């Protein structure tokens, strides 16, 4: 599966963005999907994941503000981001994997999109 992330941009603190990740191929529904982010000078960190069975997990830092969802008919996973903070500024990556485990490690995912930049101004 190939992944194409979009939806990043510049937003003021308190604002919202919705990221999308479109996947190619017919087997999207069999993949666990994740969102990770990497800020300048920082390591890549887990943001949210949704399993092939639509179970969801969110990092504590985004819980209550971000929501991951998927639309298997459109081969797309979304990340709705509300109440954005300056510390959410990062490049956001979507990822796909078929490991038995699906959060929170990046190592559970073996397909990655190119990343989309989210900048939150304070």
PDB file of N, CA and C in Angstrom:
ATOM      1  N   UNK A   1       0.845  -1.179   0.000  1.00  0.00           N
ATOM      2  CA  UNK A   1       0.000   0.000   0.000  1.00  0.00           C
ATOM      3  C   UNK A   1       0.889   1.240   0.000  1.00  0.00           C
ATOM      4  N   UNK A   2       0.502   2.224  -0.808  1.00  0.00           N
ATOM      5  CA  UNK A   2       1.213   3.504  -0.833  1.00  0.00           C
ATOM      6  C   UNK A   2       0.330   4.554  -0.189  1.00  0.00           C
ATOM      7  N   UNK A   3       0.963   5.483   0.539  1.00  0.00           N
ATOM      8  CA  UNK A   3       0.214   6.445   1.333  1.00  0.00           C
ATOM      9  C   UNK A   3       0.531   7.871   0.902  1.00  0.00           C
ATOM     10  N   UNK A   4      -0.487   8.703   0.878  1.00  0.00           N
ATOM     11  CA  UNK A   4      -0.335  10.110   0.512  1.00  0.00           C
ATOM     12  C   UNK A   4      -1.060  10.951   1.549  1.00  0.00           C
ATOM     13  N   UNK A   5      -0.295  11.663   2.366  1.00  0.00           N
ATOM     14  CA  UNK A   5      -0.877  12.510   3.404  1.00  0.00           C
ATOM     15  C   UNK A   5      -1.097  13.921   2.887  1.00  0.00           C
ATOM     16  N   UNK A   6      -2.148  14.556   3.394  1.00  0.00           N
ATOM     17  CA  UNK A   6      -2.451  15.925   3.007  1.00  0.00           C
ATOM     18  C   UNK A   6      -3.229  16.603   4.129  1.00  0.00           C
ATOM     19  N   UNK A   7      -3.389  17.921   3.985  1.00  0.00           N
ATOM     20  CA  UNK A   7      -4.216  18.663   4.927  1.00  0.00           C
ATOM     21  C   UNK A   7      -3.462  19.527   5.912  1.00  0.00           C
ATOM     22  N   UNK A   8      -2.142  19.447   5.898  1.00  0.00           N
ATOM     23  CA  UNK A   8      -1.374  20.280   6.799  1.00  0.00           C
ATOM     24  C   UNK A   8      -1.418  21.741   6.382  1.00  0.00           C
ATOM     25  N   UNK A   9      -0.915  22.597   7.257  1.00  0.00           N
ATOM     26  CA  UNK A   9      -0.889  24.011   6.959  1.00  0.00           C
ATOM     27  C   UNK A   9      -0.596  24.832   8.190  1.00  0.00           C
ATOM     28  N   UNK A  10      -0.809  26.127   8.048  1.00  0.00           N
ATOM     29  CA  UNK A  10      -0.584  27.076   9.146  1.00  0.00           C
ATOM     30  C   UNK A  10      -1.919  27.422   9.776  1.00  0.00           C
ATOM     31  N   UNK A  11      -1.989  27.317  11.091  1.00  0.00           N
ATOM     32  CA  UNK A  11      -3.234  27.599  11.807  1.00  0.00           C
ATOM     33  C   UNK A  11      -2.884  28.279  13.122  1.00  0.00           C
ATOM     34  N   UNK A  12      -3.771  29.109  13.583  1.00  0.00           N
ATOM     35  CA  UNK A  12      -3.563  29.773  14.871  1.00  0.00           C
ATOM     36  C   UNK A  12      -3.885  28.815  16.019  1.00  0.00           C
ATOM     37  N   UNK A  13      -3.266  29.060  17.138  1.00  0.00           N
ATOM     38  CA  UNK A  13      -3.562  28.266  18.328  1.00  0.00           C
ATOM     39  C   UNK A  13      -5.056  28.322  18.629  1.00  0.00           C
ATOM     40  N   UNK A  14      -5.599  27.161  18.973  1.00  0.00           N
ATOM     41  CA  UNK A  14      -7.036  27.056  19.209  1.00  0.00           C
ATOM     42  C   UNK A  14      -7.822  26.640  17.986  1.00  0.00           C
ATOM     43  N   UNK A  15      -7.177  26.671  16.834  1.00  0.00           N
ATOM     44  CA  UNK A  15      -7.856  26.329  15.602  1.00  0.00           C
ATOM     45  C   UNK A  15      -7.889  24.831  15.346  1.00  0.00           C
ATOM     46  N   UNK A  16      -8.388  24.469  14.159  1.00  0.00           N
ATOM     47  CA  UNK A  16      -8.567  23.065  13.794  1.00  0.00           C
ATOM     48  C   UNK A  16      -8.012  22.792  12.409  1.00  0.00           C
ATOM     49  N   UNK A  17      -7.598  21.567  12.209  1.00  0.00           N
ATOM     50  CA  UNK A  17      -7.209  21.056  10.902  1.00  0.00           C
ATOM     51  C   UNK A  17      -7.647  19.605  10.820  1.00  0.00           C
ATOM     52  N   UNK A  18      -7.875  19.135   9.604  1.00  0.00           N
ATOM     53  CA  UNK A  18      -8.123  17.718   9.401  1.00  0.00           C
ATOM     54  C   UNK A  18      -7.106  17.180   8.403  1.00  0.00           C
ATOM     55  N   UNK A  19      -6.323  16.248   8.846  1.00  0.00           N
ATOM     56  CA  UNK A  19      -5.376  15.578   7.978  1.00  0.00           C
ATOM     57  C   UNK A  19      -6.039  14.371   7.330  1.00  0.00           C
ATOM     58  N   UNK A  20      -5.651  14.111   6.106  1.00  0.00           N
ATOM     59  CA  UNK A  20      -6.128  12.936   5.386  1.00  0.00           C
ATOM     60  C   UNK A  20      -4.934  12.134   4.910  1.00  0.00           C
ATOM     61  N   UNK A  21      -5.126  10.844   4.815  1.00  0.00           N
ATOM     62  CA  UNK A  21      -4.097   9.952   4.281  1.00  0.00           C
ATOM     63  C   UNK A  21      -4.792   8.966   3.351  1.00  0.00           C
ATOM     64  N   UNK A  22      -4.553   9.142   2.071  1.00  0.00           N
ATOM     65  CA  UNK A  22      -5.158   8.274   1.072  1.00  0.00           C
ATOM     66  C   UNK A  22      -4.216   7.127   0.754  1.00  0.00           C
ATOM     67  N   UNK A  23      -4.769   5.933   0.706  1.00  0.00           N
ATOM     68  CA  UNK A  23      -3.975   4.732   0.450  1.00  0.00           C
ATOM     69  C   UNK A  23      -4.358   4.118  -0.881  1.00  0.00           C
ATOM     70  N   UNK A  24      -3.367   3.603  -1.556  1.00  0.00           N
ATOM     71  CA  UNK A  24      -3.630   2.876  -2.806  1.00  0.00           C
ATOM     72  C   UNK A  24      -3.869   1.409  -2.484  1.00  0.00           C
ATOM     73  N   UNK A  25      -4.398   0.683  -3.435  1.00  0.00           N
ATOM     74  CA  UNK A  25      -4.543  -0.755  -3.257  1.00  0.00           C
ATOM     75  C   UNK A  25      -5.905  -1.168  -2.753  1.00  0.00           C
ATOM     76  N   UNK A  26      -6.155  -2.467  -2.846  1.00  0.00           N
ATOM     77  CA  UNK A  26      -7.466  -3.008  -2.521  1.00  0.00           C
ATOM     78  C   UNK A  26      -7.540  -3.566  -1.112  1.00  0.00           C
ATOM     79  N   UNK A  27      -6.404  -3.548  -0.400  1.00  0.00           N
ATOM     80  CA  UNK A  27      -6.364  -4.235   0.882  1.00  0.00           C
ATOM     81  C   UNK A  27      -6.309  -3.278   2.059  1.00  0.00           C
ATOM     82  N   UNK A  28      -6.725  -2.039   1.843  1.00  0.00           N
ATOM     83  CA  UNK A  28      -6.635  -1.019   2.897  1.00  0.00           C
ATOM     84  C   UNK A  28      -7.300  -1.477   4.185  1.00  0.00           C
ATOM     85  N   UNK A  29      -8.427  -2.141   4.067  1.00  0.00           N
ATOM     86  CA  UNK A  29      -9.197  -2.527   5.255  1.00  0.00           C
ATOM     87  C   UNK A  29      -8.455  -3.537   6.133  1.00  0.00           C
ATOM     88  N   UNK A  30      -7.440  -4.168   5.597  1.00  0.00           N
ATOM     89  CA  UNK A  30      -6.692  -5.160   6.373  1.00  0.00           C
ATOM     90  C   UNK A  30      -5.529  -4.543   7.148  1.00  0.00           C
ATOM     91  N   UNK A  31      -5.319  -3.248   6.977  1.00  0.00           N
ATOM     92  CA  UNK A  31      -4.200  -2.561   7.615  1.00  0.00           C
ATOM     93  C   UNK A  31      -4.618  -1.816   8.879  1.00  0.00           C
ATOM     94  N   UNK A  32      -3.780  -1.886   9.874  1.00  0.00           N
ATOM     95  CA  UNK A  32      -3.833  -0.934  10.968  1.00  0.00           C
ATOM     96  C   UNK A  32      -3.209   0.362  10.469  1.00  0.00           C
ATOM     97  N   UNK A  33      -3.758   1.485  10.882  1.00  0.00           N
ATOM     98  CA  UNK A  33      -3.272   2.777  10.410  1.00  0.00           C
ATOM     99  C   UNK A  33      -2.890   3.658  11.589  1.00  0.00           C
ATOM    100  N   UNK A  34      -1.815   4.402  11.411  1.00  0.00           N
ATOM    101  CA  UNK A  34      -1.352   5.257  12.496  1.00  0.00           C
ATOM    102  C   UNK A  34      -0.953   6.632  12.006  1.00  0.00           C
ATOM    103  N   UNK A  35      -0.981   7.562  12.922  1.00  0.00           N
ATOM    104  CA  UNK A  35      -0.433   8.897  12.707  1.00  0.00           C
ATOM    105  C   UNK A  35       0.692   9.108  13.721  1.00  0.00           C
ATOM    106  N   UNK A  36       1.803   9.582  13.221  1.00  0.00           N
ATOM    107  CA  UNK A  36       2.948   9.926  14.047  1.00  0.00           C
ATOM    108  C   UNK A  36       3.368  11.349  13.688  1.00  0.00           C
ATOM    109  N   UNK A  37       4.151  11.968  14.539  1.00  0.00           N
ATOM    110  CA  UNK A  37       4.629  13.311  14.230  1.00  0.00           C
ATOM    111  C   UNK A  37       6.062  13.474  14.696  1.00  0.00           C
ATOM    112  N   UNK A  38       6.739  14.400  14.039  1.00  0.00           N
ATOM    113  CA  UNK A  38       8.124  14.681  14.395  1.00  0.00           C
ATOM    114  C   UNK A  38       8.343  16.175  14.340  1.00  0.00           C
ATOM    115  N   UNK A  39       8.667  16.733  15.485  1.00  0.00           N
ATOM    116  CA  UNK A  39       8.996  18.152  15.571  1.00  0.00           C
ATOM    117  C   UNK A  39      10.494  18.334  15.330  1.00  0.00           C
ATOM    118  N   UNK A  40      10.918  19.515  14.933  1.00  0.00           N
ATOM    119  CA  UNK A  40      12.347  19.760  14.682  1.00  0.00           C
ATOM    120  C   UNK A  40      13.190  19.409  15.905  1.00  0.00           C
ATOM    121  N   UNK A  41      14.213  18.605  15.674  1.00  0.00           N
ATOM    122  CA  UNK A  41      15.111  18.234  16.751  1.00  0.00           C
ATOM    123  C   UNK A  41      14.570  17.188  17.706  1.00  0.00           C
ATOM    124  N   UNK A  42      13.385  16.674  17.408  1.00  0.00           N
ATOM    125  CA  UNK A  42      12.760  15.689  18.289  1.00  0.00           C
ATOM    126  C   UNK A  42      12.647  14.342  17.579  1.00  0.00           C
ATOM    127  N   UNK A  43      12.400  13.320  18.358  1.00  0.00           N
ATOM    128  CA  UNK A  43      12.162  12.006  17.781  1.00  0.00           C
ATOM    129  C   UNK A  43      10.705  11.892  17.324  1.00  0.00           C
ATOM    130  N   UNK A  44      10.486  10.984  16.400  1.00  0.00           N
ATOM    131  CA  UNK A  44       9.126  10.731  15.937  1.00  0.00           C
ATOM    132  C   UNK A  44       8.319  10.151  17.086  1.00  0.00           C
ATOM    133  N   UNK A  45       7.088  10.643  17.248  1.00  0.00           N
ATOM    134  CA  UNK A  45       6.257  10.173  18.348  1.00  0.00           C
ATOM    135  C   UNK A  45       4.873   9.754  17.869  1.00  0.00           C
ATOM    136  N   UNK A  46       4.309   8.840  18.593  1.00  0.00           N
ATOM    137  CA  UNK A  46       2.975   8.330  18.313  1.00  0.00           C
ATOM    138  C   UNK A  46       1.936   9.401  18.596  1.00  0.00           C
ATOM    139  N   UNK A  47       0.955   9.514  17.704  1.00  0.00           N
ATOM    140  CA  UNK A  47      -0.151  10.450  17.904  1.00  0.00           C
ATOM    141  C   UNK A  47      -1.459   9.682  18.081  1.00  0.00           C
ATOM    142  N   UNK A  48      -1.774   8.813  17.115  1.00  0.00           N
ATOM    143  CA  UNK A  48      -3.036   8.084  17.171  1.00  0.00           C
ATOM    144  C   UNK A  48      -2.952   6.887  16.246  1.00  0.00           C
ATOM    145  N   UNK A  49      -3.796   5.898  16.520  1.00  0.00           N
ATOM    146  CA  UNK A  49      -3.845   4.719  15.669  1.00  0.00           C
ATOM    147  C   UNK A  49      -5.257   4.176  15.632  1.00  0.00           C
ATOM    148  N   UNK A  50      -5.558   3.523  14.528  1.00  0.00           N
ATOM    149  CA  UNK A  50      -6.851   2.860  14.383  1.00  0.00           C
ATOM    150  C   UNK A  50      -6.587   1.481  13.792  1.00  0.00           C
ATOM    151  N   UNK A  51      -7.134   0.469  14.426  1.00  0.00           N
ATOM    152  CA  UNK A  51      -6.876  -0.896  13.993  1.00  0.00           C
ATOM    153  C   UNK A  51      -7.738  -1.259  12.791  1.00  0.00           C
ATOM    154  N   UNK A  52      -7.444  -2.409  12.223  1.00  0.00           N
ATOM    155  CA  UNK A  52      -8.244  -2.904  11.099  1.00  0.00           C
ATOM    156  C   UNK A  52      -9.688  -3.143  11.540  1.00  0.00           C
ATOM    157  N   UNK A  53      -9.890  -3.315  12.824  1.00  0.00           N
ATOM    158  CA  UNK A  53     -11.239  -3.503  13.368  1.00  0.00           C
ATOM    159  C   UNK A  53     -11.832  -2.208  13.914  1.00  0.00           C
ATOM    160  N   UNK A  54     -11.157  -1.086  13.630  1.00  0.00           N
ATOM    161  CA  UNK A  54     -11.610   0.265  14.000  1.00  0.00           C
ATOM    162  C   UNK A  54     -11.513   0.576  15.481  1.00  0.00           C
ATOM    163  N   UNK A  55     -10.704  -0.192  16.207  1.00  0.00           N
ATOM    164  CA  UNK A  55     -10.348   0.237  17.545  1.00  0.00           C
ATOM    165  C   UNK A  55      -9.426   1.444  17.446  1.00  0.00           C
ATOM    166  N   UNK A  56      -9.508   2.348  18.409  1.00  0.00           N
ATOM    167  CA  UNK A  56      -8.684   3.555  18.333  1.00  0.00           C
ATOM    168  C   UNK A  56      -7.892   3.767  19.616  1.00  0.00           C
ATOM    169  N   UNK A  57      -6.736   4.400  19.463  1.00  0.00           N
ATOM    170  CA  UNK A  57      -5.916   4.816  20.590  1.00  0.00           C
ATOM    171  C   UNK A  57      -5.325   6.179  20.255  1.00  0.00           C
ATOM    172  N   UNK A  58      -5.222   7.035  21.282  1.00  0.00           N
ATOM    173  CA  UNK A  58      -4.638   8.353  21.104  1.00  0.00           C
ATOM    174  C   UNK A  58      -3.592   8.586  22.177  1.00  0.00           C
ATOM    175  N   UNK A  59      -2.548   9.288  21.823  1.00  0.00           N
ATOM    176  CA  UNK A  59      -1.539   9.668  22.801  1.00  0.00           C
ATOM    177  C   UNK A  59      -2.169  10.576  23.852  1.00  0.00           C
ATOM    178  N   UNK A  60      -1.659  10.491  25.072  1.00  0.00           N
ATOM    179  CA  UNK A  60      -2.213  11.315  26.147  1.00  0.00           C
ATOM    180  C   UNK A  60      -2.166  12.801  25.811  1.00  0.00           C
ATOM    181  N   UNK A  61      -1.127  13.207  25.082  1.00  0.00           N
ATOM    182  CA  UNK A  61      -0.943  14.622  24.764  1.00  0.00           C
ATOM    183  C   UNK A  61      -2.008  15.169  23.822  1.00  0.00           C
ATOM    184  N   UNK A  62      -2.727  14.298  23.126  1.00  0.00           N
ATOM    185  CA  UNK A  62      -3.739  14.759  22.174  1.00  0.00           C
ATOM    186  C   UNK A  62      -5.132  14.261  22.520  1.00  0.00           C
ATOM    187  N   UNK A  63      -5.233  13.448  23.550  1.00  0.00           N
ATOM    188  CA  UNK A  63      -6.524  12.869  23.907  1.00  0.00           C
ATOM    189  C   UNK A  63      -7.527  13.974  24.230  1.00  0.00           C
ATOM    190  N   UNK A  64      -8.713  13.853  23.668  1.00  0.00           N
ATOM    191  CA  UNK A  64      -9.744  14.862  23.857  1.00  0.00           C
ATOM    192  C   UNK A  64      -9.684  16.007  22.868  1.00  0.00           C
ATOM    193  N   UNK A  65      -8.575  16.081  22.113  1.00  0.00           N
ATOM    194  CA  UNK A  65      -8.435  17.146  21.101  1.00  0.00           C
ATOM    195  C   UNK A  65      -8.376  16.587  19.686  1.00  0.00           C
ATOM    196  N   UNK A  66      -7.729  15.449  19.529  1.00  0.00           N
ATOM    197  CA  UNK A  66      -7.572  14.825  18.211  1.00  0.00           C
ATOM    198  C   UNK A  66      -8.445  13.570  18.146  1.00  0.00           C
ATOM    199  N   UNK A  67      -8.851  13.233  16.927  1.00  0.00           N
ATOM    200  CA  UNK A  67      -9.620  12.006  16.732  1.00  0.00           C
ATOM    201  C   UNK A  67      -9.236  11.369  15.414  1.00  0.00           C
ATOM    202  N   UNK A  68      -8.876  10.102  15.472  1.00  0.00           N
ATOM    203  CA  UNK A  68      -8.544   9.357  14.272  1.00  0.00           C
ATOM    204  C   UNK A  68      -9.780   8.593  13.805  1.00  0.00           C
ATOM    205  N   UNK A  69      -9.939   8.495  12.497  1.00  0.00           N
ATOM    206  CA  UNK A  69     -11.047   7.727  11.936  1.00  0.00           C
ATOM    207  C   UNK A  69     -10.603   7.180  10.587  1.00  0.00           C
ATOM    208  N   UNK A  70     -11.373   6.254  10.074  1.00  0.00           N
ATOM    209  CA  UNK A  70     -11.055   5.690   8.766  1.00  0.00           C
ATOM    210  C   UNK A  70     -12.325   5.483   7.964  1.00  0.00           C
ATOM    211  N   UNK A  71     -12.185   5.550   6.642  1.00  0.00           N
ATOM    212  CA  UNK A  71     -13.264   5.260   5.718  1.00  0.00           C
ATOM    213  C   UNK A  71     -12.714   4.232   4.736  1.00  0.00           C
ATOM    214  N   UNK A  72     -13.042   2.980   4.964  1.00  0.00           N
ATOM    215  CA  UNK A  72     -12.495   1.912   4.121  1.00  0.00           C
ATOM    216  C   UNK A  72     -12.998   2.001   2.676  1.00  0.00           C
ATOM    217  N   UNK A  73     -14.191   2.550   2.489  1.00  0.00           N
ATOM    218  CA  UNK A  73     -14.715   2.691   1.127  1.00  0.00           C
ATOM    219  C   UNK A  73     -13.896   3.684   0.320  1.00  0.00           C
ATOM    220  N   UNK A  74     -13.266   4.640   1.025  1.00  0.00           N
ATOM    221  CA  UNK A  74     -12.457   5.658   0.356  1.00  0.00           C
ATOM    222  C   UNK A  74     -10.958   5.403   0.532  1.00  0.00           C
ATOM    223  N   UNK A  75     -10.602   4.301   1.173  1.00  0.00           N
ATOM    224  CA  UNK A  75      -9.179   3.997   1.416  1.00  0.00           C
ATOM    225  C   UNK A  75      -8.470   5.173   2.080  1.00  0.00           C
ATOM    226  N   UNK A  76      -9.106   5.753   3.062  1.00  0.00           N
ATOM    227  CA  UNK A  76      -8.568   6.973   3.663  1.00  0.00           C
ATOM    228  C   UNK A  76      -8.672   6.917   5.187  1.00  0.00           C
ATOM    229  N   UNK A  77      -7.632   7.414   5.834  1.00  0.00           N
ATOM    230  CA  UNK A  77      -7.650   7.608   7.273  1.00  0.00           C
ATOM    231  C   UNK A  77      -7.521   9.093   7.553  1.00  0.00           C
ATOM    232  N   UNK A  78      -8.205   9.535   8.591  1.00  0.00           N
ATOM    233  CA  UNK A  78      -8.250  10.956   8.916  1.00  0.00           C
ATOM    234  C   UNK A  78      -7.714  11.201  10.317  1.00  0.00           C
ATOM    235  N   UNK A  79      -7.243  12.417  10.523  1.00  0.00           N
ATOM    236  CA  UNK A  79      -6.904  12.867  11.861  1.00  0.00           C
ATOM    237  C   UNK A  79      -7.516  14.250  12.034  1.00  0.00           C
ATOM    238  N   UNK A  80      -8.605  14.313  12.787  1.00  0.00           N
ATOM    239  CA  UNK A  80      -9.232  15.591  13.095  1.00  0.00           C
ATOM    240  C   UNK A  80      -8.511  16.183  14.295  1.00  0.00           C
ATOM    241  N   UNK A  81      -7.997  17.393  14.134  1.00  0.00           N
ATOM    242  CA  UNK A  81      -7.215  18.041  15.184  1.00  0.00           C
ATOM    243  C   UNK A  81      -7.907  19.332  15.590  1.00  0.00           C
ATOM    244  N   UNK A  82      -8.337  19.388  16.812  1.00  0.00           N
ATOM    245  CA  UNK A  82      -9.011  20.563  17.358  1.00  0.00           C
ATOM    246  C   UNK A  82      -8.188  21.150  18.494  1.00  0.00           C
ATOM    247  N   UNK A  83      -8.499  22.376  18.853  1.00  0.00           N
ATOM    248  CA  UNK A  83      -7.822  23.048  19.970  1.00  0.00           C
ATOM    249  C   UNK A  83      -6.308  22.931  19.842  1.00  0.00           C
ATOM    250  N   UNK A  84      -5.818  23.237  18.676  1.00  0.00           N
ATOM    251  CA  UNK A  84      -4.393  23.064  18.403  1.00  0.00           C
ATOM    252  C   UNK A  84      -3.546  23.995  19.264  1.00  0.00           C
ATOM    253  N   UNK A  85      -2.384  23.488  19.639  1.00  0.00           N
ATOM    254  CA  UNK A  85      -1.441  24.219  20.461  1.00  0.00           C
ATOM    255  C   UNK A  85      -0.121  24.363  19.707  1.00  0.00           C
ATOM    256  N   UNK A  86       0.696  25.302  20.132  1.00  0.00           N
ATOM    257  CA  UNK A  86       1.973  25.504  19.453  1.00  0.00           C
ATOM    258  C   UNK A  86       2.830  24.240  19.516  1.00  0.00           C
ATOM    259  N   UNK A  87       2.692  23.480  20.589  1.00  0.00           N
ATOM    260  CA  UNK A  87       3.486  22.255  20.717  1.00  0.00           C
ATOM    261  C   UNK A  87       3.017  21.134  19.790  1.00  0.00           C
ATOM    262  N   UNK A  88       1.926  21.337  19.071  1.00  0.00           N
ATOM    263  CA  UNK A  88       1.491  20.366  18.064  1.00  0.00           C
ATOM    264  C   UNK A  88       2.211  20.580  16.737  1.00  0.00           C
ATOM    265  N   UNK A  89       2.989  21.639  16.643  1.00  0.00           N
ATOM    266  CA  UNK A  89       3.730  21.910  15.410  1.00  0.00           C
ATOM    267  C   UNK A  89       4.710  20.777  15.120  1.00  0.00           C
ATOM    268  N   UNK A  90       4.587  20.193  13.936  1.00  0.00           N
ATOM    269  CA  UNK A  90       5.417  19.042  13.564  1.00  0.00           C
ATOM    270  C   UNK A  90       5.079  18.627  12.144  1.00  0.00           C
ATOM    271  N   UNK A  91       5.896  17.763  11.611  1.00  0.00           N
ATOM    272  CA  UNK A  91       5.532  17.047  10.392  1.00  0.00           C
ATOM    273  C   UNK A  91       4.758  15.804  10.827  1.00  0.00           C
ATOM    274  N   UNK A  92       3.597  15.627  10.251  1.00  0.00           N
ATOM    275  CA  UNK A  92       2.729  14.503  10.602  1.00  0.00           C
ATOM    276  C   UNK A  92       2.818  13.447   9.503  1.00  0.00           C
ATOM    277  N   UNK A  93       3.025  12.207   9.924  1.00  0.00           N
ATOM    278  CA  UNK A  93       3.164  11.087   9.008  1.00  0.00           C
ATOM    279  C   UNK A  93       2.053  10.076   9.255  1.00  0.00           C
ATOM    280  N   UNK A  94       1.494   9.561   8.169  1.00  0.00           N
ATOM    281  CA  UNK A  94       0.594   8.427   8.322  1.00  0.00           C
ATOM    282  C   UNK A  94       1.371   7.153   8.009  1.00  0.00           C
ATOM    283  N   UNK A  95       0.907   6.074   8.575  1.00  0.00           N
ATOM    284  CA  UNK A  95       1.609   4.809   8.439  1.00  0.00           C
ATOM    285  C   UNK A  95       0.611   3.666   8.402  1.00  0.00           C
ATOM    286  N   UNK A  96       1.023   2.584   7.756  1.00  0.00           N
ATOM    287  CA  UNK A  96       0.181   1.403   7.638  1.00  0.00           C
ATOM    288  C   UNK A  96       0.977   0.174   8.051  1.00  0.00           C
ATOM    289  N   UNK A  97       0.309  -0.737   8.703  1.00  0.00           N
ATOM    290  CA  UNK A  97       0.982  -1.968   9.117  1.00  0.00           C
ATOM    291  C   UNK A  97      -0.010  -3.088   9.289  1.00  0.00           C
ATOM    292  N   UNK A  98       0.512  -4.304   9.272  1.00  0.00           N
ATOM    293  CA  UNK A  98      -0.327  -5.473   9.462  1.00  0.00           C
ATOM    294  C   UNK A  98       0.162  -6.337  10.614  1.00  0.00           C
ATOM    295  N   UNK A  99       0.968  -5.724  11.472  1.00  0.00           N
ATOM    296  CA  UNK A  99       1.453  -6.434  12.657  1.00  0.00           C
ATOM    297  C   UNK A  99       0.278  -6.758  13.571  1.00  0.00           C
ATOM    298  N   UNK A 100       0.470  -7.746  14.415  1.00  0.00           N
ATOM    299  CA  UNK A 100      -0.558  -8.083  15.398  1.00  0.00           C
ATOM    300  C   UNK A 100      -0.770  -6.915  16.374  1.00  0.00           C
ATOM    301  N   UNK A 101       0.314  -6.203  16.678  1.00  0.00           N
ATOM    302  CA  UNK A 101       0.233  -5.028  17.544  1.00  0.00           C
ATOM    303  C   UNK A 101       0.144  -3.766  16.689  1.00  0.00           C
ATOM    304  N   UNK A 102      -0.499  -2.715  17.216  1.00  0.00           N
ATOM    305  CA  UNK A 102      -0.729  -1.557  16.371  1.00  0.00           C
ATOM    306  C   UNK A 102      -0.529  -0.227  17.055  1.00  0.00           C
ATOM    307  N   UNK A 103      -0.104  -0.202  18.279  1.00  0.00           N
ATOM    308  CA  UNK A 103       0.268   1.029  18.955  1.00  0.00           C
ATOM    309  C   UNK A 103       1.138   0.690  20.137  1.00  0.00           C
ATOM    310  N   UNK A 104       1.987   1.594  20.608  1.00  0.00           N
ATOM    311  CA  UNK A 104       2.236   2.921  20.065  1.00  0.00           C
ATOM    312  C   UNK A 104       3.537   3.033  19.263  1.00  0.00           C
ATOM    313  N   UNK A 105       4.146   1.865  18.968  1.00  0.00           N
ATOM    314  CA  UNK A 105       5.486   1.926  18.392  1.00  0.00           C
ATOM    315  C   UNK A 105       5.451   2.084  16.885  1.00  0.00           C
ATOM    316  N   UNK A 106       6.340   2.945  16.394  1.00  0.00           N
ATOM    317  CA  UNK A 106       6.471   3.118  14.952  1.00  0.00           C
ATOM    318  C   UNK A 106       6.919   1.829  14.267  1.00  0.00           C
ATOM    319  N   UNK A 107       7.605   0.976  15.007  1.00  0.00           N
ATOM    320  CA  UNK A 107       8.094  -0.277  14.449  1.00  0.00           C
ATOM    321  C   UNK A 107       7.010  -1.259  14.051  1.00  0.00           C
ATOM    322  N   UNK A 108       5.778  -1.015  14.495  1.00  0.00           N
ATOM    323  CA  UNK A 108       4.668  -1.884  14.096  1.00  0.00           C
ATOM    324  C   UNK A 108       4.180  -1.552  12.687  1.00  0.00           C
ATOM    325  N   UNK A 109       4.732  -0.496  12.109  1.00  0.00           N
ATOM    326  CA  UNK A 109       4.269  -0.028  10.801  1.00  0.00           C
ATOM    327  C   UNK A 109       5.408  -0.109   9.787  1.00  0.00           C
ATOM    328  N   UNK A 110       5.104  -0.571   8.587  1.00  0.00           N
ATOM    329  CA  UNK A 110       6.160  -0.727   7.597  1.00  0.00           C
ATOM    330  C   UNK A 110       5.911   0.049   6.310  1.00  0.00           C
ATOM    331  N   UNK A 111       4.821   0.780   6.249  1.00  0.00           N
ATOM    332  CA  UNK A 111       4.548   1.632   5.099  1.00  0.00           C
ATOM    333  C   UNK A 111       4.304   3.041   5.628  1.00  0.00           C
ATOM    334  N   UNK A 112       4.973   4.018   5.027  1.00  0.00           N
ATOM    335  CA  UNK A 112       4.898   5.389   5.515  1.00  0.00           C
ATOM    336  C   UNK A 112       4.603   6.356   4.383  1.00  0.00           C
ATOM    337  N   UNK A 113       3.800   7.362   4.697  1.00  0.00           N
ATOM    338  CA  UNK A 113       3.563   8.448   3.757  1.00  0.00           C
ATOM    339  C   UNK A 113       4.680   9.474   3.851  1.00  0.00           C
ATOM    340  N   UNK A 114       4.574  10.506   3.027  1.00  0.00           N
ATOM    341  CA  UNK A 114       5.664  11.466   2.907  1.00  0.00           C
ATOM    342  C   UNK A 114       5.639  12.553   3.981  1.00  0.00           C
ATOM    343  N   UNK A 115       4.590  12.664   4.744  1.00  0.00           N
ATOM    344  CA  UNK A 115       4.500  13.674   5.785  1.00  0.00           C
ATOM    345  C   UNK A 115       3.838  14.947   5.301  1.00  0.00           C
ATOM    346  N   UNK A 116       3.140  15.593   6.219  1.00  0.00           N
ATOM    347  CA  UNK A 116       2.517  16.881   5.939  1.00  0.00           C
ATOM    348  C   UNK A 116       2.779  17.791   7.134  1.00  0.00           C
ATOM    349  N   UNK A 117       3.189  19.025   6.857  1.00  0.00           N
ATOM    350  CA  UNK A 117       3.624  19.937   7.905  1.00  0.00           C
ATOM    351  C   UNK A 117       2.439  20.672   8.519  1.00  0.00           C
ATOM    352  N   UNK A 118       2.372  20.620   9.835  1.00  0.00           N
ATOM    353  CA  UNK A 118       1.382  21.388  10.592  1.00  0.00           C
ATOM    354  C   UNK A 118       2.139  22.414  11.425  1.00  0.00           C
ATOM    355  N   UNK A 119       1.789  23.675  11.243  1.00  0.00           N
ATOM    356  CA  UNK A 119       2.414  24.753  12.000  1.00  0.00           C
ATOM    357  C   UNK A 119       1.323  25.501  12.761  1.00  0.00           C
ATOM    358  N   UNK A 120       1.471  25.557  14.065  1.00  0.00           N
ATOM    359  CA  UNK A 120       0.495  26.234  14.913  1.00  0.00           C
ATOM    360  C   UNK A 120       1.149  27.482  15.485  1.00  0.00           C
ATOM    361  N   UNK A 121       0.590  28.618  15.150  1.00  0.00           N
ATOM    362  CA  UNK A 121       1.146  29.887  15.632  1.00  0.00           C
ATOM    363  C   UNK A 121       0.449  30.301  16.919  1.00  0.00           C
ATOM    364  N   UNK A 122       1.248  30.809  17.844  1.00  0.00           N
ATOM    365  CA  UNK A 122       0.672  31.206  19.138  1.00  0.00           C
ATOM    366  C   UNK A 122       0.360  32.693  19.159  1.00  0.00           C
TER     367      UNK A 122
END
